[in-house]
PDB file of all heavy atoms in Angstrom:
ATOM      1  N   LEU A   1       7.133 -27.406   9.152  1.00  0.00           N
ATOM      2  CA  LEU A   1       6.984 -26.164   9.781  1.00  0.00           C
ATOM      3  C   LEU A   1       6.844 -25.004   8.929  1.00  0.00           C
ATOM      4  O   LEU A   1       7.618 -24.634   8.145  1.00  0.00           O
ATOM      5  CB  LEU A   1       8.161 -25.965  10.790  1.00  0.00           C
ATOM      6  CG  LEU A   1       8.238 -26.989  11.853  1.00  0.00           C
ATOM      7  CD1 LEU A   1       9.674 -26.874  12.641  1.00  0.00           C
ATOM      8  CD2 LEU A   1       7.169 -26.890  12.913  1.00  0.00           C
ATOM      9  N   LEU A   2       5.913 -24.154   9.174  1.00  0.00           N
ATOM     10  CA  LEU A   2       5.502 -22.926   8.284  1.00  0.00           C
ATOM     11  C   LEU A   2       6.546 -21.941   8.532  1.00  0.00           C
ATOM     12  O   LEU A   2       6.954 -21.284   7.630  1.00  0.00           O
ATOM     13  CB  LEU A   2       4.170 -22.426   8.579  1.00  0.00           C
ATOM     14  CG  LEU A   2       2.901 -23.407   8.261  1.00  0.00           C
ATOM     15  CD1 LEU A   2       1.625 -22.894   8.837  1.00  0.00           C
ATOM     16  CD2 LEU A   2       2.830 -23.772   6.852  1.00  0.00           C
ATOM     17  N   THR A   3       6.849 -21.697   9.779  1.00  0.00           N
ATOM     18  CA  THR A   3       7.749 -20.778  10.140  1.00  0.00           C
ATOM     19  C   THR A   3       9.331 -20.992  10.022  1.00  0.00           C
ATOM     20  O   THR A   3      10.200 -20.173  10.437  1.00  0.00           O
ATOM     21  CB  THR A   3       7.597 -20.120  11.556  1.00  0.00           C
ATOM     22  OG1 THR A   3       7.987 -21.116  12.531  1.00  0.00           O
ATOM     23  CG2 THR A   3       6.206 -19.704  11.849  1.00  0.00           C
ATOM     24  N   SER A   4       9.570 -22.299   9.427  1.00  0.00           N
ATOM     25  CA  SER A   4      10.973 -22.506   9.115  1.00  0.00           C
ATOM     26  C   SER A   4      11.362 -22.256   7.636  1.00  0.00           C
ATOM     27  O   SER A   4      12.448 -22.194   7.325  1.00  0.00           O
ATOM     28  CB  SER A   4      11.185 -24.036   9.459  1.00  0.00           C
ATOM     29  OG  SER A   4      10.451 -24.797   8.379  1.00  0.00           O
ATOM     30  N   LYS A   5      10.361 -21.798   6.892  1.00  0.00           N
ATOM     31  CA  LYS A   5      10.508 -21.571   5.508  1.00  0.00           C
ATOM     32  C   LYS A   5      11.241 -20.307   5.360  1.00  0.00           C
ATOM     33  O   LYS A   5      11.072 -19.328   6.056  1.00  0.00           O
ATOM     34  CB  LYS A   5       9.179 -21.513   4.766  1.00  0.00           C
ATOM     35  CG  LYS A   5       8.412 -22.728   4.663  1.00  0.00           C
ATOM     36  CD  LYS A   5       7.137 -22.613   3.905  1.00  0.00           C
ATOM     37  CE  LYS A   5       6.293 -23.895   3.975  1.00  0.00           C
ATOM     38  NZ  LYS A   5       6.954 -24.957   3.150  1.00  0.00           N
ATOM     39  N   PRO A   6      12.183 -20.081   4.327  1.00  0.00           N
ATOM     40  CA  PRO A   6      12.900 -18.828   4.010  1.00  0.00           C
ATOM     41  C   PRO A   6      11.840 -17.800   3.660  1.00  0.00           C
ATOM     42  O   PRO A   6      10.838 -18.063   3.054  1.00  0.00           O
ATOM     43  CB  PRO A   6      13.711 -19.226   2.790  1.00  0.00           C
ATOM     44  CG  PRO A   6      13.859 -20.660   2.729  1.00  0.00           C
ATOM     45  CD  PRO A   6      12.610 -21.274   3.424  1.00  0.00           C
ATOM     46  N   VAL A   7      12.182 -16.669   4.170  1.00  0.00           N
ATOM     47  CA  VAL A   7      11.110 -15.548   3.892  1.00  0.00           C
ATOM     48  C   VAL A   7      11.837 -14.311   3.523  1.00  0.00           C
ATOM     49  O   VAL A   7      13.067 -14.008   4.022  1.00  0.00           O
ATOM     50  CB  VAL A   7      10.254 -15.255   5.215  1.00  0.00           C
ATOM     51  CG1 VAL A   7      11.104 -14.740   6.299  1.00  0.00           C
ATOM     52  CG2 VAL A   7       9.237 -14.392   4.912  1.00  0.00           C
ATOM     53  N   MET A   8      11.192 -13.609   2.574  1.00  0.00           N
ATOM     54  CA  MET A   8      11.650 -12.325   2.216  1.00  0.00           C
ATOM     55  C   MET A   8      10.570 -11.274   2.512  1.00  0.00           C
ATOM     56  O   MET A   8       9.361 -11.507   2.039  1.00  0.00           O
ATOM     57  CB  MET A   8      11.950 -12.117   0.794  1.00  0.00           C
ATOM     58  CG  MET A   8      12.402 -10.577   0.430  1.00  0.00           C
ATOM     59  SD  MET A   8      13.024 -10.526  -1.376  1.00  0.00           S
ATOM     60  CE  MET A   8      14.587 -11.071  -1.105  1.00  0.00           C
ATOM     61  N   TYR A   9      10.702 -10.237   3.368  1.00  0.00           N
ATOM     62  CA  TYR A   9       9.634  -9.256   3.743  1.00  0.00           C
ATOM     63  C   TYR A   9       9.813  -8.240   2.578  1.00  0.00           C
ATOM     64  O   TYR A   9      10.770  -7.571   2.274  1.00  0.00           O
ATOM     65  CB  TYR A   9       9.928  -8.622   5.004  1.00  0.00           C
ATOM     66  CG  TYR A   9       9.608  -9.606   6.118  1.00  0.00           C
ATOM     67  CD1 TYR A   9      10.815 -10.251   6.851  1.00  0.00           C
ATOM     68  CD2 TYR A   9       8.445  -9.964   6.525  1.00  0.00           C
ATOM     69  CE1 TYR A   9      10.657 -11.178   7.773  1.00  0.00           C
ATOM     70  CE2 TYR A   9       8.190 -10.869   7.538  1.00  0.00           C
ATOM     71  CZ  TYR A   9       9.273 -11.444   8.135  1.00  0.00           C
ATOM     72  OH  TYR A   9       8.951 -12.428   9.195  1.00  0.00           O
ATOM     73  N   VAL A  10       8.540  -8.039   1.924  1.00  0.00           N
ATOM     74  CA  VAL A  10       8.439  -7.031   0.776  1.00  0.00           C
ATOM     75  C   VAL A  10       7.647  -5.889   1.175  1.00  0.00           C
ATOM     76  O   VAL A  10       6.447  -5.980   1.511  1.00  0.00           O
ATOM     77  CB  VAL A  10       7.754  -7.669  -0.414  1.00  0.00           C
ATOM     78  CG1 VAL A  10       7.693  -6.720  -1.664  1.00  0.00           C
ATOM     79  CG2 VAL A  10       8.499  -8.987  -0.866  1.00  0.00           C
ATOM     80  N   CYS A  11       8.414  -4.761   1.446  1.00  0.00           N
ATOM     81  CA  CYS A  11       7.757  -3.596   1.909  1.00  0.00           C
ATOM     82  C   CYS A  11       7.227  -2.767   0.822  1.00  0.00           C
ATOM     83  O   CYS A  11       7.865  -2.280  -0.150  1.00  0.00           O
ATOM     84  CB  CYS A  11       8.741  -2.717   2.598  1.00  0.00           C
ATOM     85  SG  CYS A  11       9.355  -3.403   4.288  1.00  0.00           S
ATOM     86  N   ASN A  12       5.896  -2.759   0.675  1.00  0.00           N
ATOM     87  CA  ASN A  12       5.166  -2.085  -0.556  1.00  0.00           C
ATOM     88  C   ASN A  12       5.055  -0.609  -0.016  1.00  0.00           C
ATOM     89  O   ASN A  12       4.225  -0.255   0.934  1.00  0.00           O
ATOM     90  CB  ASN A  12       3.752  -2.655  -0.659  1.00  0.00           C
ATOM     91  CG  ASN A  12       3.067  -2.099  -1.858  1.00  0.00           C
ATOM     92  OD1 ASN A  12       3.695  -1.400  -2.608  1.00  0.00           O
ATOM     93  ND2 ASN A  12       1.787  -2.517  -1.967  1.00  0.00           N
ATOM     94  N   VAL A  13       5.827   0.325  -0.692  1.00  0.00           N
ATOM     95  CA  VAL A  13       5.866   1.643  -0.230  1.00  0.00           C
ATOM     96  C   VAL A  13       5.298   2.595  -1.381  1.00  0.00           C
ATOM     97  O   VAL A  13       5.049   2.137  -2.517  1.00  0.00           O
ATOM     98  CB  VAL A  13       7.451   2.114  -0.040  1.00  0.00           C
ATOM     99  CG1 VAL A  13       8.034   1.239   1.097  1.00  0.00           C
ATOM    100  CG2 VAL A  13       8.382   1.998  -1.283  1.00  0.00           C
ATOM    101  N   ASP A  14       5.133   3.912  -1.002  1.00  0.00           N
ATOM    102  CA  ASP A  14       4.794   4.849  -2.057  1.00  0.00           C
ATOM    103  C   ASP A  14       5.871   5.093  -2.971  1.00  0.00           C
ATOM    104  O   ASP A  14       6.998   4.847  -2.633  1.00  0.00           O
ATOM    105  CB  ASP A  14       4.151   6.047  -1.427  1.00  0.00           C
ATOM    106  CG  ASP A  14       5.244   6.713  -0.480  1.00  0.00           C
ATOM    107  OD1 ASP A  14       6.123   7.317  -0.873  1.00  0.00           O
ATOM    108  OD2 ASP A  14       4.822   6.448   0.859  1.00  0.00           O
ATOM    109  N   GLU A  15       5.722   5.878  -4.015  1.00  0.00           N
ATOM    110  CA  GLU A  15       6.691   6.074  -4.990  1.00  0.00           C
ATOM    111  C   GLU A  15       7.817   6.957  -4.497  1.00  0.00           C
ATOM    112  O   GLU A  15       9.039   6.736  -4.793  1.00  0.00           O
ATOM    113  CB  GLU A  15       6.179   6.765  -6.400  1.00  0.00           C
ATOM    114  CG  GLU A  15       6.984   6.831  -7.416  1.00  0.00           C
ATOM    115  CD  GLU A  15       6.391   7.410  -8.710  1.00  0.00           C
ATOM    116  OE1 GLU A  15       5.093   7.071  -8.891  1.00  0.00           O
ATOM    117  OE2 GLU A  15       7.038   8.007  -9.548  1.00  0.00           O
ATOM    118  N   ALA A  16       7.535   7.863  -3.668  1.00  0.00           N
ATOM    119  CA  ALA A  16       8.533   8.866  -3.048  1.00  0.00           C
ATOM    120  C   ALA A  16       9.527   8.085  -2.080  1.00  0.00           C
ATOM    121  O   ALA A  16      10.563   8.452  -1.898  1.00  0.00           O
ATOM    122  CB  ALA A  16       7.939   9.847  -2.225  1.00  0.00           C
ATOM    123  N   SER A  17       9.101   6.802  -1.594  1.00  0.00           N
ATOM    124  CA  SER A  17       9.811   6.058  -0.675  1.00  0.00           C
ATOM    125  C   SER A  17      10.629   4.974  -1.270  1.00  0.00           C
ATOM    126  O   SER A  17      11.301   4.098  -0.738  1.00  0.00           O
ATOM    127  CB  SER A  17       9.119   5.584   0.547  1.00  0.00           C
ATOM    128  OG  SER A  17       8.384   6.651   1.091  1.00  0.00           O
ATOM    129  N   ALA A  18      10.502   4.773  -2.654  1.00  0.00           N
ATOM    130  CA  ALA A  18      11.006   3.492  -3.272  1.00  0.00           C
ATOM    131  C   ALA A  18      12.553   3.508  -3.193  1.00  0.00           C
ATOM    132  O   ALA A  18      13.052   2.240  -3.210  1.00  0.00           O
ATOM    133  CB  ALA A  18      10.563   3.529  -4.696  1.00  0.00           C
ATOM    134  N   LYS A  19      13.196   4.522  -3.095  1.00  0.00           N
ATOM    135  CA  LYS A  19      14.641   4.486  -3.149  1.00  0.00           C
ATOM    136  C   LYS A  19      15.273   4.516  -1.746  1.00  0.00           C
ATOM    137  O   LYS A  19      16.102   3.624  -1.432  1.00  0.00           O
ATOM    138  CB  LYS A  19      15.191   5.850  -3.860  1.00  0.00           C
ATOM    139  CG  LYS A  19      16.579   5.507  -4.345  1.00  0.00           C
ATOM    140  CD  LYS A  19      17.008   6.744  -5.256  1.00  0.00           C
ATOM    141  CE  LYS A  19      18.376   6.590  -5.765  1.00  0.00           C
ATOM    142  NZ  LYS A  19      18.780   7.533  -6.748  1.00  0.00           N
ATOM    143  N   SER A  20      14.717   5.220  -0.764  1.00  0.00           N
ATOM    144  CA  SER A  20      15.281   5.387   0.442  1.00  0.00           C
ATOM    145  C   SER A  20      14.540   4.681   1.687  1.00  0.00           C
ATOM    146  O   SER A  20      14.870   4.763   2.817  1.00  0.00           O
ATOM    147  CB  SER A  20      15.737   6.750   0.800  1.00  0.00           C
ATOM    148  OG  SER A  20      14.650   7.653   0.690  1.00  0.00           O
ATOM    149  N   GLY A  21      13.171   4.374   1.347  1.00  0.00           N
ATOM    150  CA  GLY A  21      12.425   3.853   2.424  1.00  0.00           C
ATOM    151  C   GLY A  21      11.697   5.057   3.164  1.00  0.00           C
ATOM    152  O   GLY A  21      11.737   6.204   2.868  1.00  0.00           O
ATOM    153  N   ASN A  22      11.084   4.591   4.309  1.00  0.00           N
ATOM    154  CA  ASN A  22      10.468   5.578   5.227  1.00  0.00           C
ATOM    155  C   ASN A  22      10.293   5.117   6.672  1.00  0.00           C
ATOM    156  O   ASN A  22      11.011   4.071   6.986  1.00  0.00           O
ATOM    157  CB  ASN A  22       8.868   5.806   4.663  1.00  0.00           C
ATOM    158  CG  ASN A  22       8.095   4.509   4.497  1.00  0.00           C
ATOM    159  OD1 ASN A  22       8.326   3.586   5.235  1.00  0.00           O
ATOM    160  ND2 ASN A  22       7.203   4.526   3.553  1.00  0.00           N
ATOM    161  N   ASN A  23       9.668   5.724   7.518  1.00  0.00           N
ATOM    162  CA  ASN A  23       9.481   5.172   8.859  1.00  0.00           C
ATOM    163  C   ASN A  23       9.108   3.874   9.053  1.00  0.00           C
ATOM    164  O   ASN A  23       9.378   3.154   9.946  1.00  0.00           O
ATOM    165  CB  ASN A  23       8.811   6.300   9.714  1.00  0.00           C
ATOM    166  CG  ASN A  23       9.554   7.708   9.871  1.00  0.00           C
ATOM    167  OD1 ASN A  23      10.669   7.768   9.864  1.00  0.00           O
ATOM    168  ND2 ASN A  23       8.804   8.759  10.165  1.00  0.00           N
ATOM    169  N   TYR A  24       8.144   3.534   8.254  1.00  0.00           N
ATOM    170  CA  TYR A  24       7.467   2.211   8.235  1.00  0.00           C
ATOM    171  C   TYR A  24       8.522   1.019   7.940  1.00  0.00           C
ATOM    172  O   TYR A  24       8.560   0.160   8.633  1.00  0.00           O
ATOM    173  CB  TYR A  24       6.326   1.999   7.146  1.00  0.00           C
ATOM    174  CG  TYR A  24       5.142   2.930   7.481  1.00  0.00           C
ATOM    175  CD1 TYR A  24       4.510   3.606   6.516  1.00  0.00           C
ATOM    176  CD2 TYR A  24       4.577   2.934   8.795  1.00  0.00           C
ATOM    177  CE1 TYR A  24       3.408   4.479   6.859  1.00  0.00           C
ATOM    178  CE2 TYR A  24       3.520   3.684   9.131  1.00  0.00           C
ATOM    179  CZ  TYR A  24       2.965   4.524   8.158  1.00  0.00           C
ATOM    180  OH  TYR A  24       1.672   5.331   8.415  1.00  0.00           O
ATOM    181  N   THR A  25       9.313   1.313   6.862  1.00  0.00           N
ATOM    182  CA  THR A  25      10.398   0.302   6.522  1.00  0.00           C
ATOM    183  C   THR A  25      11.436   0.183   7.542  1.00  0.00           C
ATOM    184  O   THR A  25      11.995  -0.811   7.666  1.00  0.00           O
ATOM    185  CB  THR A  25      10.982   0.613   5.113  1.00  0.00           C
ATOM    186  OG1 THR A  25      11.566   1.939   5.203  1.00  0.00           O
ATOM    187  CG2 THR A  25       9.881   0.635   4.016  1.00  0.00           C
ATOM    188  N   LYS A  26      11.776   1.405   8.133  1.00  0.00           N
ATOM    189  CA  LYS A  26      12.795   1.324   9.201  1.00  0.00           C
ATOM    190  C   LYS A  26      12.339   0.570  10.498  1.00  0.00           C
ATOM    191  O   LYS A  26      13.122  -0.171  11.048  1.00  0.00           O
ATOM    192  CB  LYS A  26      13.182   2.841   9.625  1.00  0.00           C
ATOM    193  CG  LYS A  26      13.841   3.525   8.571  1.00  0.00           C
ATOM    194  CD  LYS A  26      14.035   5.124   9.049  1.00  0.00           C
ATOM    195  CE  LYS A  26      14.702   5.843   7.904  1.00  0.00           C
ATOM    196  NZ  LYS A  26      14.711   7.345   8.289  1.00  0.00           N
ATOM    197  N   ALA A  27      11.014   0.623  10.693  1.00  0.00           N
ATOM    198  CA  ALA A  27      10.462  -0.156  11.832  1.00  0.00           C
ATOM    199  C   ALA A  27      10.506  -1.693  11.569  1.00  0.00           C
ATOM    200  O   ALA A  27      10.839  -2.531  12.335  1.00  0.00           O
ATOM    201  CB  ALA A  27       9.089   0.277  12.068  1.00  0.00           C
ATOM    202  N   VAL A  28      10.171  -2.036  10.198  1.00  0.00           N
ATOM    203  CA  VAL A  28      10.325  -3.321   9.843  1.00  0.00           C
ATOM    204  C   VAL A  28      11.674  -3.928   9.942  1.00  0.00           C
ATOM    205  O   VAL A  28      11.927  -4.967  10.488  1.00  0.00           O
ATOM    206  CB  VAL A  28       9.772  -3.581   8.350  1.00  0.00           C
ATOM    207  CG1 VAL A  28       9.948  -4.991   7.979  1.00  0.00           C
ATOM    208  CG2 VAL A  28       8.274  -3.162   8.222  1.00  0.00           C
ATOM    209  N   ALA A  29      12.626  -3.190   9.401  1.00  0.00           N
ATOM    210  CA  ALA A  29      14.070  -3.566   9.516  1.00  0.00           C
ATOM    211  C   ALA A  29      14.511  -3.868  10.921  1.00  0.00           C
ATOM    212  O   ALA A  29      15.235  -4.790  11.198  1.00  0.00           O
ATOM    213  CB  ALA A  29      14.939  -2.502   8.793  1.00  0.00           C
ATOM    214  N   GLU A  30      14.131  -2.898  11.737  1.00  0.00           N
ATOM    215  CA  GLU A  30      14.508  -3.168  13.243  1.00  0.00           C
ATOM    216  C   GLU A  30      13.879  -4.376  13.869  1.00  0.00           C
ATOM    217  O   GLU A  30      14.564  -5.168  14.486  1.00  0.00           O
ATOM    218  CB  GLU A  30      14.019  -1.883  13.961  1.00  0.00           C
ATOM    219  CG  GLU A  30      14.284  -1.971  15.540  1.00  0.00           C
ATOM    220  CD  GLU A  30      15.760  -1.975  15.933  1.00  0.00           C
ATOM    221  OE1 GLU A  30      16.713  -1.537  14.974  1.00  0.00           O
ATOM    222  OE2 GLU A  30      16.071  -2.401  16.968  1.00  0.00           O
ATOM    223  N   THR A  31      12.671  -4.627  13.396  1.00  0.00           N
ATOM    224  CA  THR A  31      11.932  -5.825  13.842  1.00  0.00           C
ATOM    225  C   THR A  31      12.493  -7.135  13.464  1.00  0.00           C
ATOM    226  O   THR A  31      12.600  -8.070  14.266  1.00  0.00           O
ATOM    227  CB  THR A  31      10.300  -5.748  13.375  1.00  0.00           C
ATOM    228  OG1 THR A  31       9.892  -4.517  13.932  1.00  0.00           O
ATOM    229  CG2 THR A  31       9.677  -6.984  13.982  1.00  0.00           C
ATOM    230  N   ILE A  32      12.988  -7.148  12.224  1.00  0.00           N
ATOM    231  CA  ILE A  32      13.493  -8.490  11.728  1.00  0.00           C
ATOM    232  C   ILE A  32      14.976  -8.669  11.764  1.00  0.00           C
ATOM    233  O   ILE A  32      15.546  -9.548  11.380  1.00  0.00           O
ATOM    234  CB  ILE A  32      13.040  -8.726  10.183  1.00  0.00           C
ATOM    235  CG1 ILE A  32      13.842  -7.676   9.415  1.00  0.00           C
ATOM    236  CG2 ILE A  32      11.637  -8.492  10.039  1.00  0.00           C
ATOM    237  CD1 ILE A  32      13.661  -8.001   7.770  1.00  0.00           C
ATOM    238  N   LYS A  33      15.703  -7.771  12.480  1.00  0.00           N
ATOM    239  CA  LYS A  33      17.233  -7.794  12.481  1.00  0.00           C
ATOM    240  C   LYS A  33      17.760  -9.099  13.073  1.00  0.00           C
ATOM    241  O   LYS A  33      18.899  -9.492  12.690  1.00  0.00           O
ATOM    242  CB  LYS A  33      17.711  -6.563  13.276  1.00  0.00           C
ATOM    243  CG  LYS A  33      17.483  -6.496  14.781  1.00  0.00           C
ATOM    244  CD  LYS A  33      18.016  -5.332  15.384  1.00  0.00           C
ATOM    245  CE  LYS A  33      17.633  -5.287  16.942  1.00  0.00           C
ATOM    246  NZ  LYS A  33      18.247  -4.056  17.425  1.00  0.00           N
ATOM    247  N   ASP A  34      17.044  -9.707  14.005  1.00  0.00           N
ATOM    248  CA  ASP A  34      17.636 -10.951  14.561  1.00  0.00           C
ATOM    249  C   ASP A  34      16.929 -12.234  14.026  1.00  0.00           C
ATOM    250  O   ASP A  34      17.196 -13.230  14.420  1.00  0.00           O
ATOM    251  CB  ASP A  34      17.345 -11.015  16.059  1.00  0.00           C
ATOM    252  CG  ASP A  34      17.991  -9.847  16.805  1.00  0.00           C
ATOM    253  OD1 ASP A  34      19.304  -9.614  16.316  1.00  0.00           O
ATOM    254  OD2 ASP A  34      17.480  -9.327  17.768  1.00  0.00           O
ATOM    255  N   GLU A  35      16.156 -11.998  12.873  1.00  0.00           N
ATOM    256  CA  GLU A  35      15.535 -13.106  12.236  1.00  0.00           C
ATOM    257  C   GLU A  35      16.219 -13.384  11.004  1.00  0.00           C
ATOM    258  O   GLU A  35      16.941 -12.667  10.341  1.00  0.00           O
ATOM    259  CB  GLU A  35      14.058 -12.613  11.846  1.00  0.00           C
ATOM    260  CG  GLU A  35      13.079 -13.759  11.553  1.00  0.00           C
ATOM    261  CD  GLU A  35      11.714 -13.264  11.258  1.00  0.00           C
ATOM    262  OE1 GLU A  35      11.355 -12.234  11.878  1.00  0.00           O
ATOM    263  OE2 GLU A  35      10.975 -13.797  10.412  1.00  0.00           O
ATOM    264  N   GLN A  36      16.232 -14.765  10.529  1.00  0.00           N
ATOM    265  CA  GLN A  36      16.904 -15.275   9.433  1.00  0.00           C
ATOM    266  C   GLN A  36      16.051 -14.924   8.197  1.00  0.00           C
ATOM    267  O   GLN A  36      15.278 -15.809   7.619  1.00  0.00           O
ATOM    268  CB  GLN A  36      17.146 -16.851   9.453  1.00  0.00           C
ATOM    269  CG  GLN A  36      17.992 -17.067  10.605  1.00  0.00           C
ATOM    270  CD  GLN A  36      19.399 -16.759  10.443  1.00  0.00           C
ATOM    271  OE1 GLN A  36      19.983 -16.644   9.443  1.00  0.00           O
ATOM    272  NE2 GLN A  36      19.967 -16.221  11.667  1.00  0.00           N
ATOM    273  N   ALA A  37      16.125 -13.576   7.833  1.00  0.00           N
ATOM    274  CA  ALA A  37      15.157 -13.128   6.675  1.00  0.00           C
ATOM    275  C   ALA A  37      15.788 -12.030   5.961  1.00  0.00           C
ATOM    276  O   ALA A  37      16.683 -11.319   6.419  1.00  0.00           O
ATOM    277  CB  ALA A  37      13.752 -12.800   7.395  1.00  0.00           C
TER     278      ALA A  37
END
C-alpha cells in the first residue's frame, strides 16, 4: 500500500517564513493533525 508508508510533509517556504511558518504552513498542520505523519 502506497498510503501506508511513513510520510514527512516538507513545507517549502520563503526565507521570511523559514523560522515561524506562514498561513500556508498553518493550514497544512491543521490538515494533517489526525494523520500519522
